[in-house]
Amino acid sequence: MSRKKINFGAKTKLDNLDDSGEKNNEFNIIKNSVPARPVSFRLREIDLQRINEILKKANELNETNPFNKTSLIRGLIMLGTRSDSKEILEEIRKSI
C-alpha cells in the first residue's frame, strides 16, 4: 500500500485570503536592504557601568519587554543625531 506524500509547499485557498476575507497577495514585511553587521568597541569599565545604569533607567519605564544593550545604543545614537554638535563635543571631552 502506498502513501501519499504531503506537499507543504502547495498553496491553498486560505493562503490568498486575509482577515477580511478578501484576496491578498502582498505581505507587509519590512526587509532591510542592507543587513546589520557586528561592530565592536573597546570600552572602559566606567563606560560599561554607565551603560548598565542607563539601561536600568530605561527598563524602569518600559513595562512590556526589557531593552537590551543594543537597543539602548541605537536609542542613544538617535538622541545624538537630534542633539547639538557642541553638546556632543562637550560630553565627549568630559568622558575622556
N, C-alpha and C. Protein backbone atom coordinates (compact mmCIF):
# COMPACT_ATOMS: atom_id res chain seq x y z
N MET A 1 0.83 -1.15 0.00
CA MET A 1 0.00 0.00 0.00
C MET A 1 0.90 1.24 0.00
N SER A 2 0.64 2.14 -0.92
CA SER A 2 1.46 3.35 -1.00
C SER A 2 0.78 4.51 -0.27
N ARG A 3 1.60 5.36 0.30
CA ARG A 3 1.08 6.53 1.00
C ARG A 3 1.39 7.77 0.17
N LYS A 4 0.48 8.74 0.26
CA LYS A 4 0.71 10.00 -0.43
C LYS A 4 1.63 10.87 0.43
N LYS A 5 2.54 11.52 -0.21
CA LYS A 5 3.39 12.45 0.49
C LYS A 5 2.70 13.82 0.54
N ILE A 6 2.83 14.48 1.67
CA ILE A 6 2.21 15.79 1.83
C ILE A 6 3.12 16.83 1.21
N ASN A 7 2.53 17.66 0.38
CA ASN A 7 3.27 18.75 -0.25
C ASN A 7 3.05 20.02 0.56
N PHE A 8 4.02 20.37 1.41
CA PHE A 8 3.88 21.54 2.26
C PHE A 8 4.08 22.84 1.49
N GLY A 9 4.61 22.77 0.30
CA GLY A 9 4.83 23.97 -0.50
C GLY A 9 3.64 24.36 -1.34
N ALA A 10 2.63 23.50 -1.43
CA ALA A 10 1.47 23.80 -2.26
C ALA A 10 0.62 24.87 -1.60
N LYS A 11 0.07 25.77 -2.43
CA LYS A 11 -0.78 26.84 -1.92
C LYS A 11 -2.21 26.34 -1.77
N THR A 12 -2.85 26.84 -0.73
CA THR A 12 -4.25 26.50 -0.50
C THR A 12 -5.11 27.73 -0.77
N LYS A 13 -6.41 27.57 -0.74
CA LYS A 13 -7.31 28.69 -0.96
C LYS A 13 -7.19 29.71 0.17
N LEU A 14 -6.90 29.26 1.36
CA LEU A 14 -6.80 30.16 2.50
C LEU A 14 -5.53 31.01 2.47
N ASP A 15 -4.53 30.59 1.72
CA ASP A 15 -3.30 31.36 1.64
C ASP A 15 -3.52 32.72 1.00
N ASN A 16 -4.51 32.82 0.11
CA ASN A 16 -4.74 34.06 -0.62
C ASN A 16 -5.76 34.96 0.07
N LEU A 17 -6.30 34.59 1.21
CA LEU A 17 -7.29 35.40 1.90
C LEU A 17 -6.68 36.07 3.12
N ASP A 18 -7.08 37.32 3.39
CA ASP A 18 -6.66 37.97 4.62
C ASP A 18 -7.79 37.89 5.63
N ASP A 19 -7.72 38.64 6.74
CA ASP A 19 -8.72 38.55 7.81
C ASP A 19 -10.11 38.99 7.37
N SER A 20 -10.19 39.89 6.41
CA SER A 20 -11.49 40.38 5.98
C SER A 20 -12.13 39.46 4.94
N GLY A 21 -11.43 38.44 4.50
CA GLY A 21 -11.97 37.51 3.51
C GLY A 21 -11.64 37.90 2.09
N GLU A 22 -10.90 38.99 1.91
CA GLU A 22 -10.54 39.42 0.57
C GLU A 22 -9.19 38.83 0.19
N LYS A 23 -8.99 38.70 -1.12
CA LYS A 23 -7.72 38.16 -1.59
C LYS A 23 -6.61 39.17 -1.33
N ASN A 24 -5.49 38.66 -0.85
CA ASN A 24 -4.34 39.50 -0.55
C ASN A 24 -3.09 38.74 -0.95
N ASN A 25 -2.44 39.20 -2.00
CA ASN A 25 -1.24 38.52 -2.48
C ASN A 25 0.03 39.20 -2.00
N GLU A 26 -0.10 40.27 -1.22
CA GLU A 26 1.06 41.02 -0.80
C GLU A 26 1.16 41.01 0.72
N PHE A 27 2.33 40.72 1.24
CA PHE A 27 2.56 40.72 2.67
C PHE A 27 3.22 42.02 3.08
N ASN A 28 2.96 42.45 4.29
CA ASN A 28 3.51 43.69 4.80
C ASN A 28 4.74 43.38 5.64
N ILE A 29 5.82 43.01 4.99
CA ILE A 29 7.05 42.60 5.67
C ILE A 29 8.11 43.66 5.43
N ILE A 30 8.75 44.08 6.52
CA ILE A 30 9.83 45.05 6.40
C ILE A 30 11.12 44.29 6.10
N LYS A 31 11.75 44.64 5.00
CA LYS A 31 13.00 44.00 4.65
C LYS A 31 14.09 45.05 4.66
N ASN A 32 15.16 44.77 5.35
CA ASN A 32 16.30 45.67 5.36
C ASN A 32 17.11 45.46 4.10
N SER A 33 17.38 46.56 3.40
CA SER A 33 18.15 46.42 2.17
C SER A 33 19.61 46.09 2.48
N VAL A 34 20.10 46.60 3.60
CA VAL A 34 21.47 46.31 4.00
C VAL A 34 21.42 45.56 5.32
N PRO A 35 21.92 44.35 5.36
CA PRO A 35 21.86 43.59 6.63
C PRO A 35 22.76 44.22 7.69
N ALA A 36 22.35 44.04 8.95
CA ALA A 36 23.16 44.56 10.06
C ALA A 36 24.45 43.76 10.16
N ARG A 37 25.49 44.43 10.53
CA ARG A 37 26.76 43.73 10.70
C ARG A 37 27.35 44.10 12.05
N PRO A 38 28.02 43.17 12.67
CA PRO A 38 28.55 43.43 14.01
C PRO A 38 29.71 44.42 13.98
N VAL A 39 29.71 45.29 14.97
CA VAL A 39 30.78 46.26 15.15
C VAL A 39 31.20 46.17 16.61
N SER A 40 32.50 46.19 16.86
CA SER A 40 32.95 46.08 18.24
C SER A 40 33.67 47.36 18.67
N PHE A 41 33.57 47.65 19.97
CA PHE A 41 34.21 48.81 20.56
C PHE A 41 34.95 48.38 21.81
N ARG A 42 35.97 49.12 22.15
CA ARG A 42 36.67 48.88 23.41
C ARG A 42 36.18 49.94 24.39
N LEU A 43 35.53 49.49 25.43
CA LEU A 43 35.00 50.40 26.44
C LEU A 43 35.72 50.18 27.77
N ARG A 44 35.85 51.26 28.52
CA ARG A 44 36.43 51.15 29.85
C ARG A 44 35.37 50.60 30.80
N GLU A 45 35.81 50.23 31.97
CA GLU A 45 34.88 49.69 32.97
C GLU A 45 33.83 50.72 33.37
N ILE A 46 34.25 51.98 33.49
CA ILE A 46 33.30 53.04 33.86
C ILE A 46 32.25 53.23 32.78
N ASP A 47 32.63 53.05 31.51
CA ASP A 47 31.68 53.17 30.41
C ASP A 47 30.63 52.07 30.47
N LEU A 48 31.08 50.86 30.78
CA LEU A 48 30.13 49.75 30.90
C LEU A 48 29.19 49.95 32.08
N GLN A 49 29.71 50.51 33.16
CA GLN A 49 28.85 50.80 34.32
C GLN A 49 27.81 51.85 33.95
N ARG A 50 28.22 52.86 33.21
CA ARG A 50 27.28 53.91 32.78
C ARG A 50 26.21 53.33 31.86
N ILE A 51 26.60 52.45 30.95
CA ILE A 51 25.63 51.81 30.06
C ILE A 51 24.62 51.01 30.87
N ASN A 52 25.10 50.26 31.85
CA ASN A 52 24.19 49.47 32.69
C ASN A 52 23.25 50.35 33.50
N GLU A 53 23.74 51.51 33.99
CA GLU A 53 22.89 52.44 34.73
C GLU A 53 21.79 53.00 33.83
N ILE A 54 22.17 53.40 32.62
CA ILE A 54 21.19 53.94 31.68
C ILE A 54 20.17 52.87 31.30
N LEU A 55 20.65 51.64 31.13
CA LEU A 55 19.76 50.54 30.78
C LEU A 55 18.75 50.28 31.90
N LYS A 56 19.19 50.36 33.15
CA LYS A 56 18.27 50.19 34.28
C LYS A 56 17.21 51.28 34.29
N LYS A 57 17.63 52.53 34.03
CA LYS A 57 16.68 53.64 33.99
C LYS A 57 15.65 53.44 32.88
N ALA A 58 16.11 53.01 31.72
CA ALA A 58 15.19 52.82 30.60
C ALA A 58 14.23 51.67 30.87
N ASN A 59 14.71 50.61 31.49
CA ASN A 59 13.85 49.45 31.75
C ASN A 59 12.87 49.70 32.89
N GLU A 60 13.15 50.68 33.76
CA GLU A 60 12.18 51.02 34.80
C GLU A 60 10.92 51.62 34.19
N LEU A 61 11.06 52.37 33.11
CA LEU A 61 9.92 52.98 32.44
C LEU A 61 9.22 52.02 31.49
N ASN A 62 9.94 51.07 30.97
CA ASN A 62 9.40 50.13 29.99
C ASN A 62 8.74 48.97 30.73
N GLU A 63 7.44 48.80 30.52
CA GLU A 63 6.71 47.75 31.24
C GLU A 63 6.51 46.48 30.43
N THR A 64 6.74 46.52 29.14
CA THR A 64 6.49 45.34 28.31
C THR A 64 7.70 44.42 28.28
N ASN A 65 8.59 44.61 27.36
CA ASN A 65 9.79 43.79 27.24
C ASN A 65 11.00 44.62 27.62
N PRO A 66 11.90 44.07 28.42
CA PRO A 66 13.09 44.85 28.78
C PRO A 66 13.99 45.08 27.57
N PHE A 67 14.62 46.25 27.55
CA PHE A 67 15.55 46.58 26.48
C PHE A 67 16.86 45.86 26.72
N ASN A 68 17.61 45.65 25.64
CA ASN A 68 18.96 45.12 25.78
C ASN A 68 19.96 46.22 25.44
N LYS A 69 21.22 45.94 25.56
CA LYS A 69 22.25 46.96 25.33
C LYS A 69 22.24 47.46 23.89
N THR A 70 21.94 46.60 22.95
CA THR A 70 21.90 47.01 21.54
C THR A 70 20.81 48.04 21.31
N SER A 71 19.62 47.81 21.86
CA SER A 71 18.52 48.77 21.71
C SER A 71 18.90 50.10 22.35
N LEU A 72 19.56 50.02 23.50
CA LEU A 72 19.98 51.24 24.19
C LEU A 72 20.95 52.04 23.34
N ILE A 73 21.94 51.39 22.77
CA ILE A 73 22.92 52.08 21.93
C ILE A 73 22.23 52.69 20.72
N ARG A 74 21.29 51.98 20.11
CA ARG A 74 20.55 52.53 18.96
C ARG A 74 19.77 53.77 19.36
N GLY A 75 19.14 53.73 20.54
CA GLY A 75 18.41 54.89 21.02
C GLY A 75 19.32 56.07 21.30
N LEU A 76 20.48 55.80 21.86
CA LEU A 76 21.43 56.87 22.13
C LEU A 76 21.99 57.47 20.84
N ILE A 77 22.13 56.65 19.83
CA ILE A 77 22.57 57.16 18.52
C ILE A 77 21.52 58.11 17.96
N MET A 78 20.24 57.74 18.08
CA MET A 78 19.17 58.61 17.60
C MET A 78 19.13 59.91 18.40
N LEU A 79 19.36 59.81 19.71
CA LEU A 79 19.42 61.00 20.55
C LEU A 79 20.57 61.91 20.11
N GLY A 80 21.69 61.31 19.77
CA GLY A 80 22.85 62.08 19.30
C GLY A 80 22.61 62.77 17.98
N THR A 81 21.80 62.18 17.11
CA THR A 81 21.53 62.82 15.82
C THR A 81 20.66 64.06 15.98
N ARG A 82 19.85 64.09 17.05
CA ARG A 82 18.99 65.25 17.29
C ARG A 82 19.66 66.30 18.17
N SER A 83 20.77 65.96 18.80
CA SER A 83 21.44 66.87 19.72
C SER A 83 22.32 67.87 18.97
N ASP A 84 22.65 68.93 19.68
CA ASP A 84 23.54 69.95 19.14
C ASP A 84 24.97 69.42 19.12
N SER A 85 25.72 69.75 18.10
CA SER A 85 27.09 69.23 17.98
C SER A 85 27.99 69.75 19.10
N LYS A 86 27.73 70.96 19.60
CA LYS A 86 28.54 71.49 20.70
C LYS A 86 28.31 70.69 21.97
N GLU A 87 27.06 70.29 22.22
CA GLU A 87 26.76 69.47 23.40
C GLU A 87 27.46 68.12 23.31
N ILE A 88 27.44 67.54 22.13
CA ILE A 88 28.10 66.23 21.94
C ILE A 88 29.60 66.37 22.19
N LEU A 89 30.21 67.44 21.66
CA LEU A 89 31.63 67.66 21.86
C LEU A 89 31.98 67.85 23.33
N GLU A 90 31.15 68.58 24.06
CA GLU A 90 31.38 68.77 25.49
C GLU A 90 31.31 67.44 26.25
N GLU A 91 30.34 66.62 25.93
CA GLU A 91 30.19 65.33 26.61
C GLU A 91 31.35 64.39 26.28
N ILE A 92 31.84 64.45 25.06
CA ILE A 92 32.99 63.63 24.69
C ILE A 92 34.22 64.06 25.50
N ARG A 93 34.40 65.35 25.63
CA ARG A 93 35.55 65.86 26.39
C ARG A 93 35.45 65.50 27.87
N LYS A 94 34.21 65.49 28.42
CA LYS A 94 34.03 65.11 29.82
C LYS A 94 34.34 63.64 30.05
N SER A 95 34.06 62.82 29.06
CA SER A 95 34.23 61.38 29.23
C SER A 95 35.68 60.92 29.11
N ILE A 96 36.53 61.75 28.57
CA ILE A 96 37.94 61.34 28.36
C ILE A 96 38.73 61.44 29.61
